[in-house]
Amino acid sequence: MARKKSSKSVIFTALFANLFIAIMKLIISAITRSTAMLAESIHSLADSFNQIFLLVGIKKGEKKADELHPFGFSGELYFWSFIVAIVLFSAGAVFSVYEGIHRLYHPTKVEKIEYAFIVLGLSFLAEGLAFIKANKSISIDRKGEPIFSYLKKTKKSELLVIFLEDFAALIGLSVAIVALLLQHFTGIVIFDGIASILIGIILAVVAFFLGNETRSLLIGESADPELIYKVNSVFANEESIKRVIHLRSLQLGPEDILLAAKVEFDQRLNSNQVSNFINAIESEIRFQFPIIRKIYIEPDIYKKNYR
C-alpha cells in the first residue's frame, strides 16, 4: 500500500507540473510563433493526459475479482501504460515531426524570443523537480542496479512511464533552448524547425521503448528471478518435499504475482498430510512475500526428462 501511495504521489507531481508547463508553453508559442515551443506544449499536454491514464489504470486495478476476471484487474495498469506509449507517439512524436518539417519549408522568425526563454527556463525547473522525485522513487526500488537494466526489468510500469516522460521532457527542453539560442544569435530561421523534428524523434524513441516494455508485461512476464530463487528456498527447507519439479510465475500486475509449483512430496505422506503441508507452505510464502497473491501447488511424481 505504501508503494502504491508513493507511485500516486510521483504521478500527481508530474501531472501538476505538466499542466502548468503546457499552459505556459501554449501561450508563449502563440506569442512567439515558435514551432519548437508549440511542439513542447503538445508534448506537455500529451504527458498530462498520460498521467491521467496512469491514475485511471491504478484505480481500475484496485477492482475486486469477479466471475469473468477471476484473477482480478491488476493488469489494468499495464494496459493503460501501453496506451501512454501510443499517445506519446501519435500526439507527441508525429505532431512534432510534422510541424518541424512544415516550418523548414515555411521558415519564420521567432518573435519576442525572450518570453520563450523565460518559459523554457521555468519549465526546465518544474520538469527537473518532477524528474528528481521520480528518480528518487526508482533509486529506492532498483537498489543500486544500473538504471537501463532496471528500466528493462522493472514490473512497475507507472514508474517506468513517469521516469521516461520526465527524462524525455528535460532533453526536449534542452534541444528547444539550444535551437532558439542558435536562431537568436545566428539569425538562421531553420533551427526552430530542426528543434521540433529532434523533439519528435526523442519522443518516438521513448514511445517505442515504453511500448515494447509494456507489451512484454501485457503478454505475460515471469516474476523477478531473485524473488523466485527465494521462494524456491522455502520449498527446499521443507523436509516433507523431495523435489521441486518446476516452479512457474506470472506477473499479473505491479504488485500481484501468480505462482504455480509442481512438487514431489515424501511418498510416506498420505493425502491429508500432503494437503496440510501445501496449506502451510502457501501461508509461509504469502507471509514472506505478500506480492505473491495467487498460489497453486500440485503434488506429483518426478520422472526423468519430465516436461
Protein backbone atom coordinates (compact mmCIF):
# COMPACT_ATOMS: atom_id res chain seq x y z
CA MET A 1 0.00 0.00 0.00
CA ALA A 2 2.86 2.38 0.81
CA ARG A 3 4.40 1.76 -2.61
CA LYS A 4 1.07 2.46 -4.30
CA LYS A 5 0.75 5.78 -2.46
CA SER A 6 4.34 6.60 -3.43
CA SER A 7 3.57 5.93 -7.10
CA LYS A 8 0.47 8.10 -6.95
CA SER A 9 2.48 10.90 -5.35
CA VAL A 10 5.02 10.77 -8.20
CA ILE A 11 2.22 10.75 -10.81
CA PHE A 12 0.37 13.70 -9.25
CA THR A 13 3.60 15.71 -9.04
CA ALA A 14 4.26 15.08 -12.74
CA LEU A 15 0.62 15.83 -13.65
CA PHE A 16 0.50 19.24 -11.97
CA ALA A 17 3.93 20.16 -13.33
CA ASN A 18 2.97 19.23 -16.90
CA LEU A 19 -0.39 21.02 -16.80
CA PHE A 20 1.27 24.20 -15.58
CA ILE A 21 4.03 23.91 -18.17
CA ALA A 22 1.65 23.08 -21.04
CA ILE A 23 -0.49 26.18 -20.42
CA MET A 24 2.56 28.44 -20.30
CA LYS A 25 4.05 26.91 -23.45
CA LEU A 26 0.79 27.22 -25.40
CA ILE A 27 0.51 30.91 -24.55
CA ILE A 28 4.13 31.64 -25.40
CA SER A 29 4.04 29.58 -28.61
CA ALA A 30 1.15 31.78 -29.79
CA ILE A 31 3.08 34.95 -28.87
CA THR A 32 6.46 33.89 -30.31
CA ARG A 33 5.14 31.78 -33.23
CA SER A 34 7.82 29.22 -32.40
CA THR A 35 7.30 25.71 -33.74
CA ALA A 36 9.66 24.29 -31.12
CA MET A 37 7.56 25.88 -28.38
CA LEU A 38 4.38 24.50 -29.96
CA ALA A 39 5.93 21.02 -30.13
CA GLU A 40 6.93 21.31 -26.48
CA SER A 41 3.41 22.44 -25.48
CA ILE A 42 1.85 19.44 -27.26
CA HIS A 43 4.43 17.22 -25.58
CA SER A 44 3.45 18.57 -22.14
CA LEU A 45 -0.28 18.18 -22.92
CA ALA A 46 0.31 14.58 -24.02
CA ASP A 47 2.24 13.93 -20.80
CA SER A 48 -0.65 15.39 -18.77
CA PHE A 49 -3.13 13.03 -20.41
CA ASN A 50 -0.69 10.17 -19.87
CA GLN A 51 -0.56 10.81 -16.13
CA ILE A 52 -4.37 10.79 -16.07
CA PHE A 53 -4.30 7.43 -17.89
CA LEU A 54 -1.94 6.04 -15.24
CA LEU A 55 -4.24 7.20 -12.44
CA VAL A 56 -7.15 5.54 -14.25
CA GLY A 57 -5.10 2.34 -14.52
CA ILE A 58 -4.28 2.36 -10.80
CA LYS A 59 -7.93 2.97 -9.90
CA LYS A 60 -9.25 0.24 -12.20
CA GLY A 61 -6.55 -2.15 -10.99
CA GLU A 62 -7.97 -1.93 -7.46
CA LYS A 63 -11.27 -3.53 -8.52
CA LYS A 64 -12.03 -6.88 -6.93
CA ALA A 65 -12.01 -10.08 -8.97
CA ASP A 66 -15.29 -11.21 -10.48
CA GLU A 67 -16.57 -14.29 -12.30
CA LEU A 68 -15.36 -13.02 -15.67
CA HIS A 69 -11.96 -11.92 -14.32
CA PRO A 70 -11.11 -14.48 -11.60
CA PHE A 71 -7.51 -13.25 -11.27
CA GLY A 72 -8.54 -9.64 -10.77
CA PHE A 73 -7.75 -6.43 -12.61
CA SER A 74 -4.16 -5.67 -11.56
CA GLY A 75 -3.07 -5.83 -15.21
CA GLU A 76 -5.14 -2.69 -15.96
CA LEU A 77 -2.11 -0.53 -15.24
CA TYR A 78 -0.08 -2.35 -17.90
CA PHE A 79 -2.82 -1.73 -20.46
CA TRP A 80 -3.04 1.99 -19.69
CA SER A 81 0.76 2.26 -19.72
CA PHE A 82 0.67 0.84 -23.25
CA ILE A 83 -1.93 3.46 -24.18
CA VAL A 84 0.51 6.08 -22.87
CA ALA A 85 3.12 4.87 -25.37
CA ILE A 86 0.59 5.19 -28.21
CA VAL A 87 -0.41 8.72 -27.16
CA LEU A 88 3.21 9.75 -26.72
CA PHE A 89 3.98 8.61 -30.25
CA SER A 90 0.86 9.83 -32.05
CA ALA A 91 0.15 13.09 -30.21
CA GLY A 92 3.75 13.93 -29.40
CA ALA A 93 6.24 12.49 -31.87
CA VAL A 94 4.20 12.57 -35.08
CA PHE A 95 2.87 16.10 -34.48
CA SER A 96 6.32 17.47 -33.59
CA VAL A 97 8.00 15.98 -36.66
CA TYR A 98 5.18 17.18 -38.93
CA GLU A 99 5.31 20.73 -37.56
CA GLY A 100 9.09 20.76 -37.82
CA ILE A 101 9.07 19.71 -41.47
CA HIS A 102 6.35 22.26 -42.21
CA ARG A 103 8.42 25.01 -40.59
CA LEU A 104 11.51 24.02 -42.60
CA TYR A 105 9.52 24.61 -45.79
CA HIS A 106 7.96 27.80 -44.43
CA PRO A 107 10.55 29.29 -42.03
CA THR A 108 9.58 32.34 -39.98
CA LYS A 109 11.40 34.41 -37.39
CA VAL A 110 10.63 33.69 -33.73
CA GLU A 111 9.12 36.80 -32.18
CA LYS A 112 9.67 38.06 -28.62
CA ILE A 113 12.12 35.24 -28.04
CA GLU A 114 12.89 36.42 -24.50
CA TYR A 115 9.45 35.17 -23.39
CA ALA A 116 10.25 31.75 -24.81
CA PHE A 117 13.50 31.59 -22.82
CA ILE A 118 11.69 32.52 -19.59
CA VAL A 119 9.06 29.81 -20.07
CA LEU A 120 11.62 27.22 -21.11
CA GLY A 121 13.69 28.01 -18.03
CA LEU A 122 10.69 27.71 -15.72
CA SER A 123 9.63 24.51 -17.50
CA PHE A 124 13.10 23.04 -17.07
CA LEU A 125 12.95 23.81 -13.35
CA ALA A 126 9.48 22.25 -12.93
CA GLU A 127 10.36 19.16 -15.01
CA GLY A 128 13.64 18.86 -13.12
CA LEU A 129 11.84 18.74 -9.78
CA ALA A 130 9.40 16.13 -11.10
CA PHE A 131 12.30 14.09 -12.52
CA ILE A 132 14.17 14.21 -9.19
CA LYS A 133 11.08 12.86 -7.40
CA ALA A 134 10.61 10.08 -9.97
CA ASN A 135 14.32 9.21 -9.88
CA LYS A 136 14.22 9.05 -6.07
CA SER A 137 11.37 6.51 -6.18
CA ILE A 138 13.21 4.44 -8.78
CA SER A 139 16.52 4.61 -6.89
CA ILE A 140 14.85 3.13 -3.80
CA ASP A 141 13.34 0.33 -5.86
CA ARG A 142 16.35 -0.57 -8.03
CA LYS A 143 18.76 -0.86 -5.07
CA GLY A 144 21.94 0.06 -6.93
CA GLU A 145 21.10 -1.79 -10.14
CA PRO A 146 22.20 0.04 -13.33
CA ILE A 147 19.38 2.31 -14.49
CA PHE A 148 18.99 0.88 -18.02
CA SER A 149 18.93 -2.67 -16.68
CA TYR A 150 16.30 -1.65 -14.13
CA LEU A 151 14.11 0.01 -16.78
CA LYS A 152 14.26 -3.18 -18.85
CA LYS A 153 13.38 -5.46 -15.93
CA THR A 154 11.01 -3.45 -13.76
CA LYS A 155 7.42 -4.62 -13.41
CA LYS A 156 6.26 -1.19 -12.20
CA SER A 157 5.09 0.35 -15.44
CA GLU A 158 3.86 3.54 -13.76
CA LEU A 159 7.35 4.44 -12.54
CA LEU A 160 8.80 3.49 -15.92
CA VAL A 161 6.36 5.83 -17.69
CA ILE A 162 6.91 8.81 -15.39
CA PHE A 163 10.70 8.46 -15.37
CA LEU A 164 10.95 8.22 -19.17
CA GLU A 165 8.49 11.05 -19.74
CA ASP A 166 10.35 13.39 -17.41
CA PHE A 167 13.70 12.38 -18.90
CA ALA A 168 12.42 12.97 -22.44
CA ALA A 169 10.94 16.32 -21.36
CA LEU A 170 14.31 17.53 -20.00
CA ILE A 171 16.09 16.51 -23.20
CA GLY A 172 13.38 18.13 -25.33
CA LEU A 173 13.59 21.37 -23.37
CA SER A 174 17.38 21.39 -23.74
CA VAL A 175 17.03 20.94 -27.51
CA ALA A 176 14.50 23.79 -27.70
CA ILE A 177 16.71 26.14 -25.65
CA VAL A 178 19.82 25.41 -27.75
CA ALA A 179 17.89 25.79 -31.02
CA LEU A 180 16.35 29.12 -30.05
CA LEU A 181 19.75 30.40 -28.87
CA LEU A 182 21.30 29.42 -32.20
CA GLN A 183 18.48 31.08 -34.11
CA HIS A 184 18.72 34.22 -31.97
CA PHE A 185 22.50 34.68 -32.36
CA THR A 186 22.88 33.48 -35.97
CA GLY A 187 19.65 34.77 -37.48
CA ILE A 188 19.19 31.42 -39.27
CA VAL A 189 15.47 30.65 -39.00
CA ILE A 190 15.58 26.89 -39.71
CA PHE A 191 16.81 26.00 -36.21
CA ASP A 192 13.25 26.28 -34.83
CA GLY A 193 12.00 23.63 -37.26
CA ILE A 194 15.01 21.39 -36.68
CA ALA A 195 14.37 21.52 -32.92
CA SER A 196 10.76 20.43 -33.43
CA ILE A 197 11.89 17.45 -35.53
CA LEU A 198 14.51 16.44 -32.96
CA ILE A 199 11.93 16.66 -30.16
CA GLY A 200 9.64 14.41 -32.20
CA ILE A 201 12.43 11.86 -32.72
CA ILE A 202 13.19 11.85 -28.98
CA LEU A 203 9.53 11.19 -28.19
CA ALA A 204 9.35 8.45 -30.83
CA VAL A 205 12.35 6.64 -29.31
CA VAL A 206 10.89 6.88 -25.79
CA ALA A 207 7.45 5.78 -27.03
CA PHE A 208 8.95 2.76 -28.82
CA PHE A 209 10.96 1.69 -25.75
CA LEU A 210 7.97 2.17 -23.45
CA GLY A 211 5.60 0.38 -25.83
CA ASN A 212 7.94 -2.59 -26.17
CA GLU A 213 8.39 -2.96 -22.40
CA THR A 214 4.67 -2.68 -21.58
CA ARG A 215 3.83 -5.07 -24.46
CA SER A 216 6.07 -7.65 -22.80
CA LEU A 217 4.27 -7.13 -19.47
CA LEU A 218 0.86 -7.43 -21.15
CA ILE A 219 1.83 -10.69 -22.85
CA GLY A 220 2.98 -12.05 -19.50
CA GLU A 221 6.39 -11.95 -17.83
CA SER A 222 7.67 -14.13 -15.03
CA ALA A 223 8.38 -12.62 -11.63
CA ASP A 224 11.80 -11.30 -10.65
CA PRO A 225 14.29 -14.23 -10.73
CA GLU A 226 15.70 -13.14 -7.36
CA LEU A 227 12.23 -13.44 -5.83
CA ILE A 228 11.67 -16.87 -7.39
CA TYR A 229 15.04 -18.02 -6.00
CA LYS A 230 13.91 -17.01 -2.51
CA VAL A 231 10.57 -18.78 -2.97
CA ASN A 232 12.36 -21.91 -4.12
CA SER A 233 14.36 -21.87 -0.88
CA VAL A 234 11.08 -22.07 1.06
CA PHE A 235 10.31 -25.36 -0.68
CA ALA A 236 13.90 -26.57 -0.23
CA ASN A 237 13.68 -26.07 3.55
CA GLU A 238 10.67 -28.38 3.82
CA GLU A 239 11.76 -31.89 4.83
CA SER A 240 8.49 -33.29 3.51
CA ILE A 241 9.39 -32.23 -0.07
CA LYS A 242 11.73 -34.47 -2.06
CA ARG A 243 11.97 -32.25 -5.12
CA VAL A 244 10.51 -29.15 -6.79
CA ILE A 245 9.75 -30.45 -10.26
CA HIS A 246 9.13 -26.99 -11.62
CA LEU A 247 8.21 -23.52 -10.44
CA ARG A 248 6.33 -21.09 -12.70
CA SER A 249 5.30 -17.49 -12.08
CA LEU A 250 3.31 -14.80 -13.88
CA GLN A 251 3.42 -11.08 -13.15
CA LEU A 252 -0.26 -10.13 -13.26
CA GLY A 253 0.34 -6.54 -12.12
CA PRO A 254 2.98 -4.36 -10.44
CA GLU A 255 2.06 -5.76 -7.01
CA ASP A 256 0.40 -9.05 -7.98
CA ILE A 257 2.10 -12.37 -8.82
CA LEU A 258 0.65 -15.77 -9.63
CA LEU A 259 2.80 -18.74 -8.56
CA ALA A 260 2.36 -22.34 -9.72
CA ALA A 261 4.52 -25.22 -8.46
CA LYS A 262 4.68 -28.92 -9.25
CA VAL A 263 6.19 -30.68 -6.23
CA GLU A 264 7.15 -34.23 -5.30
CA PHE A 265 6.35 -34.97 -1.66
CA ASP A 266 7.67 -37.74 0.53
CA GLN A 267 5.77 -40.85 -0.59
CA ARG A 268 5.18 -41.89 3.02
CA LEU A 269 2.75 -38.99 3.45
CA ASN A 270 -0.96 -39.60 2.99
CA SER A 271 -3.29 -37.25 1.12
CA ASN A 272 -4.41 -35.38 4.26
CA GLN A 273 -0.81 -34.76 5.31
CA VAL A 274 0.10 -33.54 1.81
CA SER A 275 -2.87 -31.15 1.83
CA ASN A 276 -1.86 -29.79 5.23
CA PHE A 277 1.72 -29.29 4.06
CA ILE A 278 0.51 -27.46 0.93
CA ASN A 279 -1.63 -25.11 3.02
CA ALA A 280 1.28 -24.46 5.39
CA ILE A 281 3.69 -23.73 2.53
CA GLU A 282 1.19 -21.36 0.89
CA SER A 283 0.78 -19.48 4.17
CA GLU A 284 4.54 -19.21 4.61
CA ILE A 285 5.05 -17.89 1.06
CA ARG A 286 2.27 -15.32 1.44
CA PHE A 287 3.72 -14.21 4.78
CA GLN A 288 7.26 -13.77 3.41
CA PHE A 289 6.24 -12.42 0.00
CA PRO A 290 2.89 -10.54 0.15
CA ILE A 291 3.23 -9.63 -3.54
CA ILE A 292 2.53 -13.32 -4.37
CA ARG A 293 -1.25 -13.32 -4.06
CA LYS A 294 -2.26 -16.44 -6.01
CA ILE A 295 -0.56 -19.79 -5.32
CA TYR A 296 -1.22 -23.19 -6.85
CA ILE A 297 0.81 -26.18 -5.66
CA GLU A 298 0.33 -29.54 -7.39
CA PRO A 299 1.74 -32.76 -5.87
CA ASP A 300 3.30 -35.06 -8.48
CA ILE A 301 5.91 -37.77 -9.00
CA TYR A 302 9.13 -36.84 -10.76
CA LYS A 303 10.11 -38.76 -13.89
CA LYS A 304 13.31 -38.49 -15.89
CA ASN A 305 13.09 -35.98 -18.76
CA TYR A 306 9.99 -34.55 -17.09
CA ARG A 307 8.24 -31.77 -19.04
